[in-house]
Amino acid sequence: MLRIRVLHGPNLNLLGSREQSIYGTQSLDDLNSALRTLAKELALKVDLRQSNSEGELVNWIQEARKEYDGIIINPAAYTHTSIAIRDAIAAVGLPTVEVHLSNIHQREEFRHQSYIAGVALGLIAGLGPTGYLLALRGLCDHLTAAKRQKKTSRPVPARRAAKGTK
């Protein structure tokens, strides 16, 4: 069974009550419930976590390399500031999908830069909570295809030198 760690960054614990015109009315609990339902349908195990602390997010990314096959992360405001989160994702080498509820490119200029995008498998922004579900499906498809390819690829046999040559 594939295992995915889903990380929600700062202020996402306030979903449903925070700036509803930008982030919608769905709570983090509702979003996590939808992710659990889809994960069950896709036969995935998901670990859902939220933190307002950059260091805690970095620790969770690093821990994921031991037990998880991929990461979905909404780094929220850390998207635009955290080289530490970017470096942690690069260091663990797990396929990672960056998700944003709002379209960061339609917002303030300072939000247009993502330090995470350059080390992520993909980025989904502006689709609200549906973006998380698309990320889960997409990451599942990517990991399943990679697993299938790994199983079907055969190692190339070592070539033996012809008799009388080195």
Protein backbone atom coordinates (compact mmCIF):
# COMPACT_ATOMS: atom_id res chain seq x y z
CA MET A 1 0.00 0.00 0.00
CA LEU A 2 1.36 3.41 -0.99
CA ARG A 3 1.80 5.93 1.82
CA ILE A 4 1.45 9.69 1.32
CA ARG A 5 2.24 12.40 3.86
CA VAL A 6 0.04 15.51 3.50
CA LEU A 7 1.37 18.66 5.13
CA HIS A 8 -0.68 21.81 5.69
CA GLY A 9 1.34 24.93 6.49
CA PRO A 10 0.70 28.01 8.61
CA ASN A 11 -2.79 29.40 9.15
CA LEU A 12 -4.47 26.50 7.35
CA ASN A 13 -5.89 25.45 10.73
CA LEU A 14 -8.12 28.53 10.30
CA LEU A 15 -9.72 27.35 7.04
CA GLY A 16 -13.44 27.98 6.94
CA SER A 17 -13.20 31.12 9.05
CA ARG A 18 -10.17 32.88 7.54
CA GLU A 19 -10.59 35.13 4.50
CA GLN A 20 -13.41 33.07 3.02
CA SER A 21 -13.39 35.07 -0.21
CA ILE A 22 -9.89 33.71 -0.89
CA TYR A 23 -9.79 30.34 0.89
CA GLY A 24 -13.45 29.27 0.88
CA THR A 25 -15.71 28.03 3.62
CA GLN A 26 -14.48 24.45 3.99
CA SER A 27 -12.67 23.73 7.27
CA LEU A 28 -9.38 21.85 7.52
CA ASP A 29 -11.26 18.97 9.16
CA ASP A 30 -13.62 18.81 6.16
CA LEU A 31 -10.68 18.90 3.75
CA ASN A 32 -8.89 16.14 5.66
CA SER A 33 -12.06 14.05 5.68
CA ALA A 34 -12.32 14.35 1.88
CA LEU A 35 -8.66 13.34 1.56
CA ARG A 36 -9.19 10.29 3.79
CA THR A 37 -12.23 9.24 1.74
CA LEU A 38 -10.33 9.51 -1.55
CA ALA A 39 -7.29 7.76 -0.08
CA LYS A 40 -9.49 4.83 0.93
CA GLU A 41 -10.95 4.70 -2.59
CA LEU A 42 -7.43 4.71 -4.08
CA ALA A 43 -6.13 2.17 -1.52
CA LEU A 44 -3.61 4.65 -0.11
CA LYS A 45 -2.57 5.42 3.43
CA VAL A 46 -2.44 9.15 4.21
CA ASP A 47 -0.87 10.91 7.14
CA LEU A 48 -2.40 14.39 7.53
CA ARG A 49 -0.60 17.07 9.55
CA GLN A 50 -0.78 20.84 10.03
CA SER A 51 1.76 23.16 11.61
CA ASN A 52 2.38 26.87 11.89
CA SER A 53 6.05 26.13 12.55
CA GLU A 54 8.60 25.99 9.73
CA GLY A 55 10.93 23.74 11.75
CA GLU A 56 8.19 21.24 12.47
CA LEU A 57 7.30 21.05 8.77
CA VAL A 58 10.99 20.46 7.94
CA ASN A 59 11.16 17.67 10.54
CA TRP A 60 8.04 16.00 9.11
CA ILE A 61 9.46 16.18 5.58
CA GLN A 62 12.71 14.59 6.75
CA GLU A 63 10.87 11.86 8.69
CA ALA A 64 8.80 11.03 5.60
CA ARG A 65 11.80 9.60 3.75
CA LYS A 66 11.75 6.54 6.04
CA GLU A 67 8.10 5.52 5.78
CA TYR A 68 6.38 7.36 2.94
CA ASP A 69 6.33 7.17 -0.84
CA GLY A 70 5.44 10.79 -1.52
CA ILE A 71 4.45 14.15 -0.06
CA ILE A 72 1.69 16.64 -0.74
CA ILE A 73 2.42 20.03 0.79
CA ASN A 74 0.69 23.36 1.03
CA PRO A 75 3.52 25.40 2.51
CA ALA A 76 1.21 28.45 2.60
CA ALA A 77 3.21 31.62 3.33
CA TYR A 78 6.43 29.57 3.61
CA THR A 79 6.14 28.99 -0.14
CA HIS A 80 7.62 32.42 -0.72
CA THR A 81 10.18 32.49 2.08
CA SER A 82 11.41 29.06 3.11
CA ILE A 83 14.60 27.80 1.61
CA ALA A 84 14.69 25.34 4.54
CA ILE A 85 11.48 23.61 3.37
CA ARG A 86 12.73 23.65 -0.23
CA ASP A 87 16.04 22.09 0.81
CA ALA A 88 14.32 19.44 2.96
CA ILE A 89 12.14 18.37 0.02
CA ALA A 90 15.20 18.21 -2.25
CA ALA A 91 17.16 16.24 0.37
CA VAL A 92 14.58 13.51 0.94
CA GLY A 93 14.07 12.91 -2.77
CA LEU A 94 10.42 11.90 -2.48
CA PRO A 95 7.99 12.89 -5.24
CA THR A 96 6.26 15.99 -3.90
CA VAL A 97 3.24 17.92 -5.12
CA GLU A 98 2.84 21.55 -4.03
CA VAL A 99 -0.77 22.67 -3.55
CA HIS A 100 -2.36 26.08 -2.98
CA LEU A 101 -6.03 26.78 -2.47
CA SER A 102 -5.77 30.16 -4.16
CA ASN A 103 -4.02 31.04 -7.40
CA ILE A 104 -0.79 32.53 -6.06
CA HIS A 105 -0.11 34.16 -9.44
CA GLN A 106 -3.32 36.22 -9.26
CA ARG A 107 -2.46 37.60 -5.84
CA GLU A 108 0.12 40.04 -4.53
CA GLU A 109 3.42 40.16 -6.38
CA PHE A 110 5.38 38.73 -3.42
CA ARG A 111 3.27 35.56 -3.62
CA HIS A 112 4.25 34.82 -7.22
CA GLN A 113 7.62 33.30 -6.22
CA SER A 114 7.66 29.69 -4.99
CA TYR A 115 10.86 28.26 -3.60
CA ILE A 116 9.17 24.85 -3.55
CA ALA A 117 8.11 24.57 -7.21
CA GLY A 118 11.64 23.94 -8.46
CA VAL A 119 11.97 20.74 -6.43
CA ALA A 120 8.35 19.56 -6.72
CA LEU A 121 6.97 17.00 -9.14
CA GLY A 122 4.07 19.36 -9.79
CA LEU A 123 2.14 22.37 -8.55
CA ILE A 124 -1.63 22.83 -8.33
CA ALA A 125 -2.98 26.28 -7.47
CA GLY A 126 -6.28 28.08 -7.54
CA LEU A 127 -8.71 25.15 -7.50
CA GLY A 128 -9.60 25.33 -3.83
CA PRO A 129 -9.89 22.07 -1.88
CA THR A 130 -10.27 20.16 -5.18
CA GLY A 131 -6.58 20.87 -5.77
CA TYR A 132 -5.65 18.60 -2.87
CA LEU A 133 -7.78 15.78 -4.30
CA LEU A 134 -6.19 16.22 -7.72
CA ALA A 135 -2.76 16.18 -6.09
CA LEU A 136 -3.59 12.92 -4.31
CA ARG A 137 -4.84 11.29 -7.52
CA GLY A 138 -1.89 12.60 -9.53
CA LEU A 139 0.70 11.50 -6.99
CA CYS A 140 -0.96 8.08 -6.73
CA ASP A 141 -0.86 7.70 -10.53
CA HIS A 142 2.78 8.82 -10.65
CA LEU A 143 3.87 6.42 -7.89
CA THR A 144 1.88 3.51 -9.33
CA ALA A 145 3.42 4.03 -12.77
CA ALA A 146 6.92 4.29 -11.28
CA LYS A 147 6.35 1.09 -9.29
CA ARG A 148 5.05 -0.71 -12.39
CA GLN A 149 8.01 0.46 -14.47
CA LYS A 150 10.44 -0.66 -11.78
CA LYS A 151 8.87 -4.14 -11.73
CA THR A 152 8.96 -4.56 -15.51
CA SER A 153 12.42 -3.22 -16.17
CA ARG A 154 15.00 -5.96 -16.29
CA PRO A 155 18.62 -5.45 -15.42
CA VAL A 156 20.98 -5.60 -18.36
CA PRO A 157 23.12 -8.73 -18.00
CA ALA A 158 26.82 -8.18 -17.67
CA ARG A 159 28.61 -8.81 -20.93
CA ARG A 160 31.28 -11.43 -20.92
CA ALA A 161 34.46 -10.78 -22.76
CA ALA A 162 34.98 -12.98 -25.80
CA LYS A 163 37.41 -15.82 -25.30
CA GLY A 164 40.95 -14.66 -25.73
CA THR A 165 40.21 -10.95 -24.96
CA LYS A 166 40.37 -8.99 -21.77
